[in-house]
Amino acid sequence: MSTATYTVTGMTCGHCVSSVKEEIGKIDGVTSVDVDLASGAVKVESAAPVADADIVAAVDEAGYEVAV
């Protein structure tokens, strides 16, 4: 099991959270996505480590950005 936390910027509502969770959840191996709207923290759990580039691409697809 692997866990990684990212900070996503631009989310302002529950729909934003749902979009990010949905896109990241499509990545192979991802088992859980928890999003804290107030802080922008996104915790991703997966069976094996997921490439940061895959997470960034999924967040971008949802219309938001991963803070560097």
N, C-alpha and C. Protein backbone atom coordinates (compact mmCIF):
# COMPACT_ATOMS: atom_id res chain seq x y z
N MET A 1 0.83 -1.18 0.00
CA MET A 1 0.00 0.00 0.00
C MET A 1 0.88 1.24 0.00
N SER A 2 0.52 2.22 -0.81
CA SER A 2 1.28 3.46 -0.91
C SER A 2 0.34 4.63 -0.66
N THR A 3 0.83 5.65 0.05
CA THR A 3 0.05 6.85 0.31
C THR A 3 0.86 8.07 -0.06
N ALA A 4 0.23 9.02 -0.75
CA ALA A 4 0.88 10.27 -1.10
C ALA A 4 -0.11 11.41 -0.90
N THR A 5 0.39 12.57 -0.52
CA THR A 5 -0.47 13.73 -0.31
C THR A 5 -0.01 14.87 -1.21
N TYR A 6 -0.97 15.52 -1.83
CA TYR A 6 -0.72 16.63 -2.75
C TYR A 6 -1.55 17.82 -2.30
N THR A 7 -1.15 19.03 -2.70
CA THR A 7 -1.96 20.22 -2.47
C THR A 7 -2.49 20.68 -3.81
N VAL A 8 -3.82 20.76 -3.89
CA VAL A 8 -4.48 21.16 -5.13
C VAL A 8 -5.06 22.55 -4.94
N THR A 9 -4.79 23.44 -5.89
CA THR A 9 -5.29 24.81 -5.80
C THR A 9 -6.47 25.02 -6.75
N GLY A 10 -7.33 25.96 -6.36
CA GLY A 10 -8.45 26.34 -7.22
C GLY A 10 -9.79 25.72 -6.86
N MET A 11 -9.80 24.77 -5.93
CA MET A 11 -11.07 24.13 -5.55
C MET A 11 -11.83 25.07 -4.61
N THR A 12 -13.13 25.25 -4.88
CA THR A 12 -13.92 26.16 -4.06
C THR A 12 -15.22 25.56 -3.54
N CYS A 13 -15.58 24.35 -4.01
CA CYS A 13 -16.87 23.80 -3.61
C CYS A 13 -16.86 22.26 -3.67
N GLY A 14 -17.97 21.68 -3.28
CA GLY A 14 -18.10 20.23 -3.30
C GLY A 14 -17.99 19.64 -4.70
N HIS A 15 -18.45 20.36 -5.70
CA HIS A 15 -18.33 19.87 -7.08
C HIS A 15 -16.87 19.77 -7.48
N CYS A 16 -16.08 20.75 -7.04
CA CYS A 16 -14.63 20.73 -7.32
C CYS A 16 -14.01 19.46 -6.73
N VAL A 17 -14.36 19.18 -5.48
CA VAL A 17 -13.84 18.00 -4.78
C VAL A 17 -14.23 16.74 -5.54
N SER A 18 -15.48 16.65 -5.96
CA SER A 18 -15.95 15.47 -6.69
C SER A 18 -15.19 15.28 -8.00
N SER A 19 -14.94 16.37 -8.71
CA SER A 19 -14.23 16.29 -9.99
C SER A 19 -12.81 15.76 -9.79
N VAL A 20 -12.12 16.28 -8.78
CA VAL A 20 -10.75 15.85 -8.51
C VAL A 20 -10.73 14.37 -8.10
N LYS A 21 -11.65 14.00 -7.20
CA LYS A 21 -11.70 12.60 -6.75
C LYS A 21 -11.99 11.66 -7.92
N GLU A 22 -12.90 12.06 -8.79
CA GLU A 22 -13.27 11.21 -9.93
C GLU A 22 -12.09 11.00 -10.87
N GLU A 23 -11.40 12.08 -11.23
CA GLU A 23 -10.28 11.96 -12.17
C GLU A 23 -9.12 11.15 -11.58
N ILE A 24 -8.75 11.42 -10.34
CA ILE A 24 -7.65 10.67 -9.72
C ILE A 24 -8.06 9.21 -9.54
N GLY A 25 -9.32 8.98 -9.22
CA GLY A 25 -9.82 7.61 -9.03
C GLY A 25 -9.75 6.75 -10.27
N LYS A 26 -9.65 7.37 -11.45
CA LYS A 26 -9.55 6.63 -12.71
C LYS A 26 -8.17 6.02 -12.94
N ILE A 27 -7.17 6.49 -12.18
CA ILE A 27 -5.80 6.01 -12.37
C ILE A 27 -5.70 4.57 -11.87
N ASP A 28 -5.09 3.71 -12.67
CA ASP A 28 -4.92 2.30 -12.30
C ASP A 28 -4.19 2.18 -10.98
N GLY A 29 -4.73 1.36 -10.09
CA GLY A 29 -4.09 1.09 -8.81
C GLY A 29 -4.55 1.96 -7.68
N VAL A 30 -5.21 3.10 -7.98
CA VAL A 30 -5.67 4.00 -6.91
C VAL A 30 -6.85 3.33 -6.20
N THR A 31 -6.75 3.25 -4.88
CA THR A 31 -7.80 2.59 -4.09
C THR A 31 -8.65 3.58 -3.29
N SER A 32 -8.10 4.78 -3.01
CA SER A 32 -8.82 5.75 -2.21
C SER A 32 -8.30 7.15 -2.49
N VAL A 33 -9.23 8.11 -2.53
CA VAL A 33 -8.87 9.52 -2.70
C VAL A 33 -9.67 10.32 -1.67
N ASP A 34 -8.97 11.01 -0.77
CA ASP A 34 -9.62 11.86 0.23
C ASP A 34 -9.19 13.30 -0.03
N VAL A 35 -10.18 14.20 -0.10
CA VAL A 35 -9.90 15.60 -0.38
C VAL A 35 -10.41 16.47 0.76
N ASP A 36 -9.54 17.36 1.26
CA ASP A 36 -9.93 18.34 2.26
C ASP A 36 -10.05 19.68 1.54
N LEU A 37 -11.28 20.15 1.33
CA LEU A 37 -11.52 21.37 0.57
C LEU A 37 -10.85 22.58 1.19
N ALA A 38 -10.93 22.71 2.51
CA ALA A 38 -10.39 23.89 3.19
C ALA A 38 -8.89 24.07 2.98
N SER A 39 -8.14 22.98 3.06
CA SER A 39 -6.68 23.07 2.92
C SER A 39 -6.19 22.76 1.51
N GLY A 40 -7.03 22.11 0.71
CA GLY A 40 -6.62 21.70 -0.63
C GLY A 40 -5.83 20.41 -0.62
N ALA A 41 -5.72 19.76 0.54
CA ALA A 41 -4.94 18.53 0.65
C ALA A 41 -5.69 17.37 0.00
N VAL A 42 -4.97 16.64 -0.83
CA VAL A 42 -5.52 15.46 -1.49
C VAL A 42 -4.65 14.27 -1.12
N LYS A 43 -5.23 13.31 -0.43
CA LYS A 43 -4.50 12.11 0.00
C LYS A 43 -4.90 10.97 -0.95
N VAL A 44 -3.91 10.38 -1.57
CA VAL A 44 -4.13 9.31 -2.54
C VAL A 44 -3.52 8.02 -2.01
N GLU A 45 -4.34 6.99 -1.90
CA GLU A 45 -3.86 5.67 -1.51
C GLU A 45 -3.94 4.76 -2.73
N SER A 46 -2.91 3.93 -2.88
CA SER A 46 -2.86 3.05 -4.04
C SER A 46 -2.15 1.76 -3.69
N ALA A 47 -2.39 0.74 -4.51
CA ALA A 47 -1.79 -0.56 -4.29
C ALA A 47 -0.26 -0.49 -4.45
N ALA A 48 0.19 0.36 -5.36
CA ALA A 48 1.62 0.56 -5.61
C ALA A 48 1.81 2.06 -5.85
N PRO A 49 3.02 2.56 -5.71
CA PRO A 49 3.23 4.00 -5.93
C PRO A 49 2.75 4.44 -7.32
N VAL A 50 2.11 5.61 -7.35
CA VAL A 50 1.61 6.19 -8.60
C VAL A 50 2.53 7.35 -8.96
N ALA A 51 2.85 7.46 -10.23
CA ALA A 51 3.73 8.53 -10.70
C ALA A 51 3.09 9.89 -10.44
N ASP A 52 3.88 10.83 -9.92
CA ASP A 52 3.37 12.18 -9.67
C ASP A 52 2.79 12.78 -10.94
N ALA A 53 3.40 12.51 -12.07
CA ALA A 53 2.92 13.05 -13.35
C ALA A 53 1.50 12.58 -13.65
N ASP A 54 1.17 11.36 -13.25
CA ASP A 54 -0.20 10.86 -13.46
C ASP A 54 -1.20 11.62 -12.60
N ILE A 55 -0.81 11.92 -11.37
CA ILE A 55 -1.69 12.68 -10.48
C ILE A 55 -1.87 14.09 -11.02
N VAL A 56 -0.76 14.74 -11.41
CA VAL A 56 -0.82 16.09 -11.96
C VAL A 56 -1.71 16.13 -13.19
N ALA A 57 -1.59 15.14 -14.07
CA ALA A 57 -2.41 15.10 -15.29
C ALA A 57 -3.90 14.93 -14.95
N ALA A 58 -4.20 14.09 -13.96
CA ALA A 58 -5.59 13.88 -13.58
C ALA A 58 -6.19 15.14 -12.97
N VAL A 59 -5.43 15.82 -12.12
CA VAL A 59 -5.91 17.07 -11.51
C VAL A 59 -6.10 18.13 -12.60
N ASP A 60 -5.18 18.19 -13.55
CA ASP A 60 -5.29 19.12 -14.66
C ASP A 60 -6.55 18.83 -15.48
N GLU A 61 -6.82 17.56 -15.71
CA GLU A 61 -8.01 17.14 -16.46
C GLU A 61 -9.28 17.60 -15.74
N ALA A 62 -9.25 17.63 -14.42
CA ALA A 62 -10.40 18.07 -13.63
C ALA A 62 -10.52 19.60 -13.62
N GLY A 63 -9.47 20.30 -14.08
CA GLY A 63 -9.53 21.74 -14.17
C GLY A 63 -8.83 22.49 -13.06
N TYR A 64 -7.93 21.80 -12.34
CA TYR A 64 -7.25 22.40 -11.20
C TYR A 64 -5.74 22.16 -11.32
N GLU A 65 -4.98 22.69 -10.36
CA GLU A 65 -3.53 22.54 -10.41
C GLU A 65 -2.99 21.97 -9.13
N VAL A 66 -1.93 21.18 -9.26
CA VAL A 66 -1.20 20.68 -8.10
C VAL A 66 -0.14 21.73 -7.76
N ALA A 67 -0.15 22.22 -6.52
CA ALA A 67 0.86 23.19 -6.10
C ALA A 67 2.21 22.51 -5.99
N VAL A 68 3.23 23.21 -6.42
CA VAL A 68 4.57 22.63 -6.39
C VAL A 68 5.32 23.12 -5.17
